[in-house]
């Protein structure tokens, strides 16, 4: 006969109680873990939202600064005296950018000239080879 039909002994009852207690403890630990994961997810979402807002604020400040600098550069807006150092810094950086852009443009023009001369040489060489082959 199968063991299931035998009456439960005190030892079996104790084992079942231990299993039940372990199961309940595991469920409680799972609930704690679940709440910790939910909290961590909420914190991560909050951090992402905060980072996006910081990025938006930085972009707004940058756009404001560019708009103000454009008006100052056109002479339509006068900065207060306490911003003279900022204006000088921006003028210096702007001049460095112009100088660098001019240098890049010069290099691009030089590269285009070299490419054009090379293309002309290759074209002339091709015509010379073609003319030599026709004479044969």
N, C-alpha and C. Protein backbone atom coordinates (compact mmCIF):
# COMPACT_ATOMS: atom_id res chain seq x y z
N UNK A 1 0.82 -1.18 0.00
CA UNK A 1 0.00 0.00 0.00
C UNK A 1 0.87 1.24 0.00
N UNK A 2 0.38 2.28 -0.63
CA UNK A 2 1.16 3.52 -0.66
C UNK A 2 1.26 4.15 0.72
N UNK A 3 2.32 4.96 0.87
CA UNK A 3 2.57 5.63 2.14
C UNK A 3 1.51 6.66 2.48
N UNK A 4 0.82 7.14 1.50
CA UNK A 4 -0.15 8.22 1.72
C UNK A 4 -1.30 7.78 2.63
N UNK A 5 -1.58 6.56 2.65
CA UNK A 5 -2.71 6.10 3.44
C UNK A 5 -2.34 5.84 4.90
N UNK A 6 -1.05 5.90 5.17
CA UNK A 6 -0.62 5.69 6.54
C UNK A 6 -0.90 6.94 7.37
N UNK A 7 -1.21 6.79 8.62
CA UNK A 7 -1.47 7.96 9.46
C UNK A 7 -0.19 8.78 9.63
N UNK A 8 -0.38 10.08 9.79
CA UNK A 8 0.75 10.98 9.92
C UNK A 8 1.36 10.85 11.31
N UNK A 9 2.66 10.76 11.32
CA UNK A 9 3.39 10.65 12.58
C UNK A 9 3.75 12.05 13.05
N UNK A 10 4.08 12.18 14.30
CA UNK A 10 4.49 13.50 14.79
C UNK A 10 5.70 14.05 14.04
N UNK A 11 6.58 13.16 13.61
CA UNK A 11 7.76 13.61 12.87
C UNK A 11 7.33 14.18 11.51
N UNK A 12 6.38 13.56 10.85
CA UNK A 12 5.87 14.06 9.58
C UNK A 12 5.18 15.40 9.78
N UNK A 13 4.41 15.52 10.84
CA UNK A 13 3.75 16.79 11.13
C UNK A 13 4.77 17.91 11.34
N UNK A 14 5.84 17.60 12.05
CA UNK A 14 6.89 18.60 12.30
C UNK A 14 7.57 19.00 10.99
N UNK A 15 7.82 18.04 10.12
CA UNK A 15 8.45 18.31 8.82
C UNK A 15 7.54 19.20 7.98
N UNK A 16 6.26 18.89 7.97
CA UNK A 16 5.30 19.71 7.22
C UNK A 16 5.25 21.13 7.77
N UNK A 17 5.29 21.26 9.08
CA UNK A 17 5.29 22.60 9.68
C UNK A 17 6.54 23.37 9.29
N UNK A 18 7.68 22.70 9.26
CA UNK A 18 8.93 23.35 8.87
C UNK A 18 8.88 23.78 7.40
N UNK A 19 8.34 22.92 6.56
CA UNK A 19 8.21 23.25 5.14
C UNK A 19 7.28 24.43 4.97
N UNK A 20 6.16 24.41 5.68
CA UNK A 20 5.20 25.52 5.60
C UNK A 20 5.84 26.82 6.08
N UNK A 21 6.59 26.76 7.16
CA UNK A 21 7.25 27.96 7.70
C UNK A 21 8.29 28.47 6.71
N UNK A 22 9.05 27.56 6.11
CA UNK A 22 10.06 27.97 5.11
C UNK A 22 9.39 28.60 3.90
N UNK A 23 8.24 28.03 3.48
CA UNK A 23 7.50 28.58 2.35
C UNK A 23 7.00 29.99 2.65
N UNK A 24 6.44 30.17 3.84
CA UNK A 24 5.94 31.50 4.22
C UNK A 24 7.08 32.51 4.32
N UNK A 25 8.23 32.07 4.84
CA UNK A 25 9.39 32.96 4.93
C UNK A 25 9.88 33.34 3.53
N UNK A 26 9.91 32.37 2.62
CA UNK A 26 10.33 32.64 1.24
C UNK A 26 9.37 33.64 0.57
N UNK A 27 8.08 33.48 0.82
CA UNK A 27 7.10 34.40 0.25
C UNK A 27 7.29 35.81 0.82
N UNK A 28 7.56 35.90 2.11
CA UNK A 28 7.79 37.21 2.73
C UNK A 28 9.06 37.86 2.17
N UNK A 29 10.11 37.06 1.99
CA UNK A 29 11.34 37.59 1.41
C UNK A 29 11.11 38.04 -0.03
N UNK A 30 10.30 37.30 -0.76
CA UNK A 30 9.98 37.66 -2.13
C UNK A 30 9.22 39.00 -2.18
N UNK A 31 8.31 39.18 -1.25
CA UNK A 31 7.58 40.46 -1.18
C UNK A 31 8.53 41.62 -0.89
N UNK A 32 9.46 41.40 0.05
CA UNK A 32 10.45 42.44 0.37
C UNK A 32 11.28 42.75 -0.85
N UNK A 33 11.75 41.72 -1.53
CA UNK A 33 12.56 41.89 -2.73
C UNK A 33 11.77 42.62 -3.82
N UNK A 34 10.52 42.24 -3.98
CA UNK A 34 9.67 42.88 -4.98
C UNK A 34 9.52 44.38 -4.69
N UNK A 35 9.29 44.73 -3.43
CA UNK A 35 9.14 46.15 -3.09
C UNK A 35 10.46 46.90 -3.28
N UNK A 36 11.59 46.23 -3.02
CA UNK A 36 12.89 46.87 -3.24
C UNK A 36 13.14 47.11 -4.73
N UNK A 37 12.77 46.15 -5.55
CA UNK A 37 12.92 46.30 -7.01
C UNK A 37 12.02 47.42 -7.51
N UNK A 38 10.78 47.47 -7.03
CA UNK A 38 9.86 48.54 -7.44
C UNK A 38 10.40 49.90 -7.02
N UNK A 39 10.96 49.98 -5.83
CA UNK A 39 11.54 51.24 -5.35
C UNK A 39 12.73 51.64 -6.21
N UNK A 40 13.60 50.68 -6.51
CA UNK A 40 14.77 50.97 -7.35
C UNK A 40 14.33 51.42 -8.74
N UNK A 41 13.29 50.81 -9.29
CA UNK A 41 12.78 51.20 -10.60
C UNK A 41 12.22 52.63 -10.56
N UNK A 42 11.50 52.94 -9.49
CA UNK A 42 10.97 54.30 -9.34
C UNK A 42 12.09 55.32 -9.22
N UNK A 43 13.14 54.96 -8.48
CA UNK A 43 14.29 55.87 -8.33
C UNK A 43 14.98 56.07 -9.68
N UNK A 44 15.13 54.99 -10.45
CA UNK A 44 15.76 55.09 -11.76
C UNK A 44 14.92 55.98 -12.68
N UNK A 45 13.62 55.81 -12.66
CA UNK A 45 12.73 56.64 -13.48
C UNK A 45 12.85 58.11 -13.07
N UNK A 46 12.91 58.36 -11.78
CA UNK A 46 13.04 59.74 -11.29
C UNK A 46 14.37 60.33 -11.75
N UNK A 47 15.43 59.54 -11.72
CA UNK A 47 16.74 60.01 -12.15
C UNK A 47 16.73 60.33 -13.63
N UNK A 48 16.12 59.47 -14.42
CA UNK A 48 16.02 59.72 -15.87
C UNK A 48 15.23 61.01 -16.11
N UNK A 49 14.13 61.17 -15.41
CA UNK A 49 13.34 62.40 -15.56
C UNK A 49 14.14 63.63 -15.16
N UNK A 50 14.88 63.52 -14.08
CA UNK A 50 15.71 64.63 -13.63
C UNK A 50 16.79 64.96 -14.65
N UNK A 51 17.43 63.93 -15.20
CA UNK A 51 18.46 64.15 -16.22
C UNK A 51 17.89 64.83 -17.46
N UNK A 52 16.69 64.42 -17.84
CA UNK A 52 16.07 65.03 -19.02
C UNK A 52 15.74 66.50 -18.75
N UNK A 53 15.26 66.79 -17.55
CA UNK A 53 14.97 68.18 -17.21
C UNK A 53 16.25 69.01 -17.16
N UNK A 54 17.33 68.44 -16.61
CA UNK A 54 18.62 69.14 -16.59
C UNK A 54 19.09 69.43 -18.02
N UNK A 55 18.94 68.45 -18.90
CA UNK A 55 19.33 68.63 -20.30
C UNK A 55 18.49 69.73 -20.96
N UNK A 56 17.20 69.72 -20.68
CA UNK A 56 16.32 70.75 -21.24
C UNK A 56 16.70 72.14 -20.72
N UNK A 57 17.04 72.22 -19.42
CA UNK A 57 17.46 73.48 -18.84
C UNK A 57 18.76 73.97 -19.48
N UNK A 58 19.72 73.06 -19.64
CA UNK A 58 20.98 73.42 -20.30
C UNK A 58 20.74 73.93 -21.71
N UNK A 59 19.86 73.25 -22.44
CA UNK A 59 19.54 73.66 -23.81
C UNK A 59 18.89 75.05 -23.81
N UNK A 60 17.98 75.28 -22.86
CA UNK A 60 17.32 76.59 -22.78
C UNK A 60 18.33 77.70 -22.46
N UNK A 61 19.24 77.42 -21.52
CA UNK A 61 20.29 78.41 -21.21
C UNK A 61 21.18 78.66 -22.43
N UNK A 62 21.54 77.60 -23.12
CA UNK A 62 22.38 77.75 -24.31
C UNK A 62 21.66 78.59 -25.37
N UNK A 63 20.39 78.29 -25.60
CA UNK A 63 19.62 79.05 -26.60
C UNK A 63 19.49 80.51 -26.19
N UNK A 64 19.25 80.73 -24.90
CA UNK A 64 19.17 82.10 -24.40
C UNK A 64 20.49 82.83 -24.61
N UNK A 65 21.58 82.16 -24.23
CA UNK A 65 22.90 82.77 -24.39
C UNK A 65 23.21 83.09 -25.84
N UNK A 66 22.89 82.17 -26.74
CA UNK A 66 23.13 82.40 -28.16
C UNK A 66 22.29 83.58 -28.67
N UNK A 67 21.04 83.64 -28.23
CA UNK A 67 20.18 84.74 -28.67
C UNK A 67 20.68 86.09 -28.15
N UNK A 68 21.06 86.11 -26.88
CA UNK A 68 21.58 87.35 -26.30
C UNK A 68 22.88 87.75 -26.99
N UNK A 69 23.79 86.78 -27.20
CA UNK A 69 25.06 87.09 -27.85
C UNK A 69 24.84 87.59 -29.28
N UNK A 70 23.87 87.03 -29.99
CA UNK A 70 23.58 87.50 -31.35
C UNK A 70 23.14 88.96 -31.31
N UNK A 71 22.31 89.31 -30.36
CA UNK A 71 21.85 90.70 -30.24
C UNK A 71 22.99 91.63 -29.82
N UNK A 72 23.86 91.16 -28.92
CA UNK A 72 25.01 91.97 -28.50
C UNK A 72 25.95 92.17 -29.69
N UNK A 73 26.18 91.11 -30.47
CA UNK A 73 27.07 91.19 -31.62
C UNK A 73 26.55 92.15 -32.67
N UNK A 74 25.25 92.24 -32.81
CA UNK A 74 24.64 93.16 -33.77
C UNK A 74 24.59 94.59 -33.24
N UNK A 75 24.91 94.76 -31.97
CA UNK A 75 24.86 96.08 -31.36
C UNK A 75 23.47 96.48 -30.91
N UNK A 76 22.54 95.57 -30.91
CA UNK A 76 21.16 95.87 -30.52
C UNK A 76 20.95 95.74 -29.02
N UNK A 77 21.92 95.16 -28.32
CA UNK A 77 21.78 94.94 -26.89
C UNK A 77 23.10 95.27 -26.22
N UNK A 78 23.02 96.00 -25.13
CA UNK A 78 24.22 96.38 -24.37
C UNK A 78 24.23 95.58 -23.06
N UNK A 79 25.34 94.88 -22.82
CA UNK A 79 25.46 94.11 -21.59
C UNK A 79 25.85 95.03 -20.44
N UNK A 80 25.41 94.72 -19.24
CA UNK A 80 25.82 95.52 -18.08
C UNK A 80 27.33 95.42 -17.85
N UNK A 81 27.87 96.37 -17.12
CA UNK A 81 29.31 96.43 -16.88
C UNK A 81 29.83 95.17 -16.17
N UNK A 82 29.04 94.58 -15.29
CA UNK A 82 29.50 93.41 -14.56
C UNK A 82 29.68 92.18 -15.46
N UNK A 83 29.23 92.25 -16.72
CA UNK A 83 29.39 91.15 -17.67
C UNK A 83 30.46 91.43 -18.71
N UNK A 84 31.29 92.44 -18.47
CA UNK A 84 32.35 92.80 -19.41
C UNK A 84 33.32 91.64 -19.61
N UNK A 85 33.67 90.96 -18.54
CA UNK A 85 34.62 89.84 -18.66
C UNK A 85 34.02 88.71 -19.49
N UNK A 86 32.73 88.47 -19.33
CA UNK A 86 32.06 87.43 -20.12
C UNK A 86 32.05 87.82 -21.59
N UNK A 87 31.78 89.09 -21.85
CA UNK A 87 31.76 89.56 -23.23
C UNK A 87 33.13 89.40 -23.87
N UNK A 88 34.19 89.78 -23.15
CA UNK A 88 35.55 89.65 -23.69
C UNK A 88 35.89 88.19 -23.96
N UNK A 89 35.47 87.31 -23.04
CA UNK A 89 35.71 85.89 -23.22
C UNK A 89 35.00 85.37 -24.48
N UNK A 90 33.74 85.76 -24.64
CA UNK A 90 32.98 85.33 -25.82
C UNK A 90 33.57 85.89 -27.10
N UNK A 91 34.02 87.14 -27.06
CA UNK A 91 34.64 87.72 -28.26
C UNK A 91 35.91 86.96 -28.62
N UNK A 92 36.71 86.61 -27.61
CA UNK A 92 37.94 85.86 -27.86
C UNK A 92 37.66 84.48 -28.45
N UNK A 93 36.69 83.79 -27.88
CA UNK A 93 36.33 82.45 -28.38
C UNK A 93 35.76 82.55 -29.79
N UNK A 94 34.92 83.55 -30.01
CA UNK A 94 34.33 83.74 -31.34
C UNK A 94 35.42 84.00 -32.37
N UNK A 95 36.41 84.80 -32.02
CA UNK A 95 37.52 85.08 -32.94
C UNK A 95 38.32 83.81 -33.21
N UNK A 96 38.57 83.01 -32.19
CA UNK A 96 39.30 81.75 -32.38
C UNK A 96 38.52 80.82 -33.31
N UNK A 97 37.22 80.78 -33.15
CA UNK A 97 36.38 79.94 -34.02
C UNK A 97 36.46 80.43 -35.46
N UNK A 98 36.39 81.74 -35.65
CA UNK A 98 36.50 82.29 -37.02
C UNK A 98 37.85 81.94 -37.64
N UNK A 99 38.89 82.08 -36.84
CA UNK A 99 40.24 81.77 -37.34
C UNK A 99 40.34 80.29 -37.71
N UNK A 100 39.82 79.43 -36.87
CA UNK A 100 39.86 78.00 -37.15
C UNK A 100 39.03 77.67 -38.38
N UNK A 101 37.86 78.27 -38.50
CA UNK A 101 37.01 78.02 -39.68
C UNK A 101 37.71 78.48 -40.95
N UNK A 102 38.38 79.64 -40.89
CA UNK A 102 39.11 80.12 -42.05
C UNK A 102 40.24 79.16 -42.42
N UNK A 103 40.93 78.64 -41.42
CA UNK A 103 42.00 77.67 -41.65
C UNK A 103 41.44 76.40 -42.29
N UNK A 104 40.32 75.94 -41.79
CA UNK A 104 39.69 74.74 -42.35
C UNK A 104 39.27 75.00 -43.79
N UNK A 105 38.69 76.16 -44.04
CA UNK A 105 38.28 76.51 -45.40
C UNK A 105 39.48 76.57 -46.33
N UNK A 106 40.60 77.13 -45.85
CA UNK A 106 41.82 77.18 -46.67
C UNK A 106 42.31 75.76 -46.99
N UNK A 107 42.29 74.88 -45.98
CA UNK A 107 42.71 73.50 -46.21
C UNK A 107 41.79 72.79 -47.20
N UNK A 108 40.50 73.04 -47.09
CA UNK A 108 39.54 72.43 -48.03
C UNK A 108 39.77 72.93 -49.45
N UNK A 109 40.02 74.24 -49.58
CA UNK A 109 40.28 74.81 -50.90
C UNK A 109 41.57 74.24 -51.48
N UNK A 110 42.59 74.12 -50.65
CA UNK A 110 43.87 73.55 -51.10
C UNK A 110 43.67 72.10 -51.53
N UNK A 111 42.91 71.35 -50.77
CA UNK A 111 42.62 69.96 -51.13
C UNK A 111 41.85 69.86 -52.43
N UNK A 112 40.91 70.77 -52.64
CA UNK A 112 40.15 70.78 -53.89
C UNK A 112 41.06 71.10 -55.07
N UNK A 113 42.00 72.05 -54.88
CA UNK A 113 42.95 72.39 -55.95
C UNK A 113 43.84 71.20 -56.28
N UNK A 114 44.33 70.52 -55.24
CA UNK A 114 45.18 69.34 -55.46
C UNK A 114 44.40 68.26 -56.21
N UNK A 115 43.18 68.03 -55.80
CA UNK A 115 42.34 67.03 -56.47
C UNK A 115 42.10 67.41 -57.93
N UNK A 116 41.87 68.69 -58.17
CA UNK A 116 41.63 69.15 -59.55
C UNK A 116 42.87 68.95 -60.41
N UNK A 117 44.05 69.32 -59.87
CA UNK A 117 45.29 69.14 -60.64
C UNK A 117 45.57 67.67 -60.89
N UNK A 118 45.33 66.84 -59.89
CA UNK A 118 45.53 65.40 -60.06
C UNK A 118 44.59 64.85 -61.12
N UNK A 119 43.36 65.29 -61.08
CA UNK A 119 42.38 64.85 -62.07
C UNK A 119 42.81 65.28 -63.47
N UNK A 120 43.32 66.51 -63.60
CA UNK A 120 43.79 67.00 -64.90
C UNK A 120 44.98 66.18 -65.39
N UNK A 121 45.92 65.86 -64.49
CA UNK A 121 47.08 65.05 -64.86
C UNK A 121 46.64 63.67 -65.31
N UNK A 122 45.71 63.07 -64.58
CA UNK A 122 45.25 61.73 -64.93
C UNK A 122 44.50 61.76 -66.25
N UNK A 123 43.75 62.81 -66.48
CA UNK A 123 43.01 62.94 -67.73
C UNK A 123 43.99 63.11 -68.89
N UNK A 124 45.01 63.93 -68.70
CA UNK A 124 46.02 64.15 -69.75
C UNK A 124 46.78 62.85 -70.00
N UNK A 125 47.12 62.12 -68.96
CA UNK A 125 47.84 60.86 -69.12
C UNK A 125 46.99 59.85 -69.87
N UNK A 126 45.70 59.81 -69.57
CA UNK A 126 44.80 58.88 -70.26
C UNK A 126 44.71 59.22 -71.74
N UNK A 127 44.66 60.51 -72.06
CA UNK A 127 44.59 60.94 -73.46
C UNK A 127 45.89 60.59 -74.18
N UNK A 128 47.03 60.73 -73.47
CA UNK A 128 48.32 60.39 -74.07
C UNK A 128 48.42 58.91 -74.36
N UNK A 129 47.96 58.08 -73.46
CA UNK A 129 47.98 56.63 -73.65
C UNK A 129 47.05 56.26 -74.81
N UNK A 130 45.90 56.90 -74.87
CA UNK A 130 44.94 56.59 -75.94
C UNK A 130 45.51 57.01 -77.28
N UNK A 131 46.20 58.16 -77.35
CA UNK A 131 46.78 58.62 -78.61
C UNK A 131 47.91 57.70 -79.05
N UNK A 132 48.71 57.20 -78.12
CA UNK A 132 49.80 56.29 -78.44
C UNK A 132 49.25 54.98 -78.97
N UNK A 133 48.17 54.51 -78.44
CA UNK A 133 47.60 53.25 -78.89
C UNK A 133 46.97 53.41 -80.27
N UNK A 134 46.45 54.57 -80.59
CA UNK A 134 45.85 54.79 -81.92
C UNK A 134 46.93 54.80 -83.00
N UNK A 135 48.12 55.30 -82.67
CA UNK A 135 49.20 55.37 -83.66
C UNK A 135 49.69 53.97 -84.02
N UNK A 136 49.55 53.01 -83.20
CA UNK A 136 50.04 51.66 -83.48
C UNK A 136 49.23 51.04 -84.50
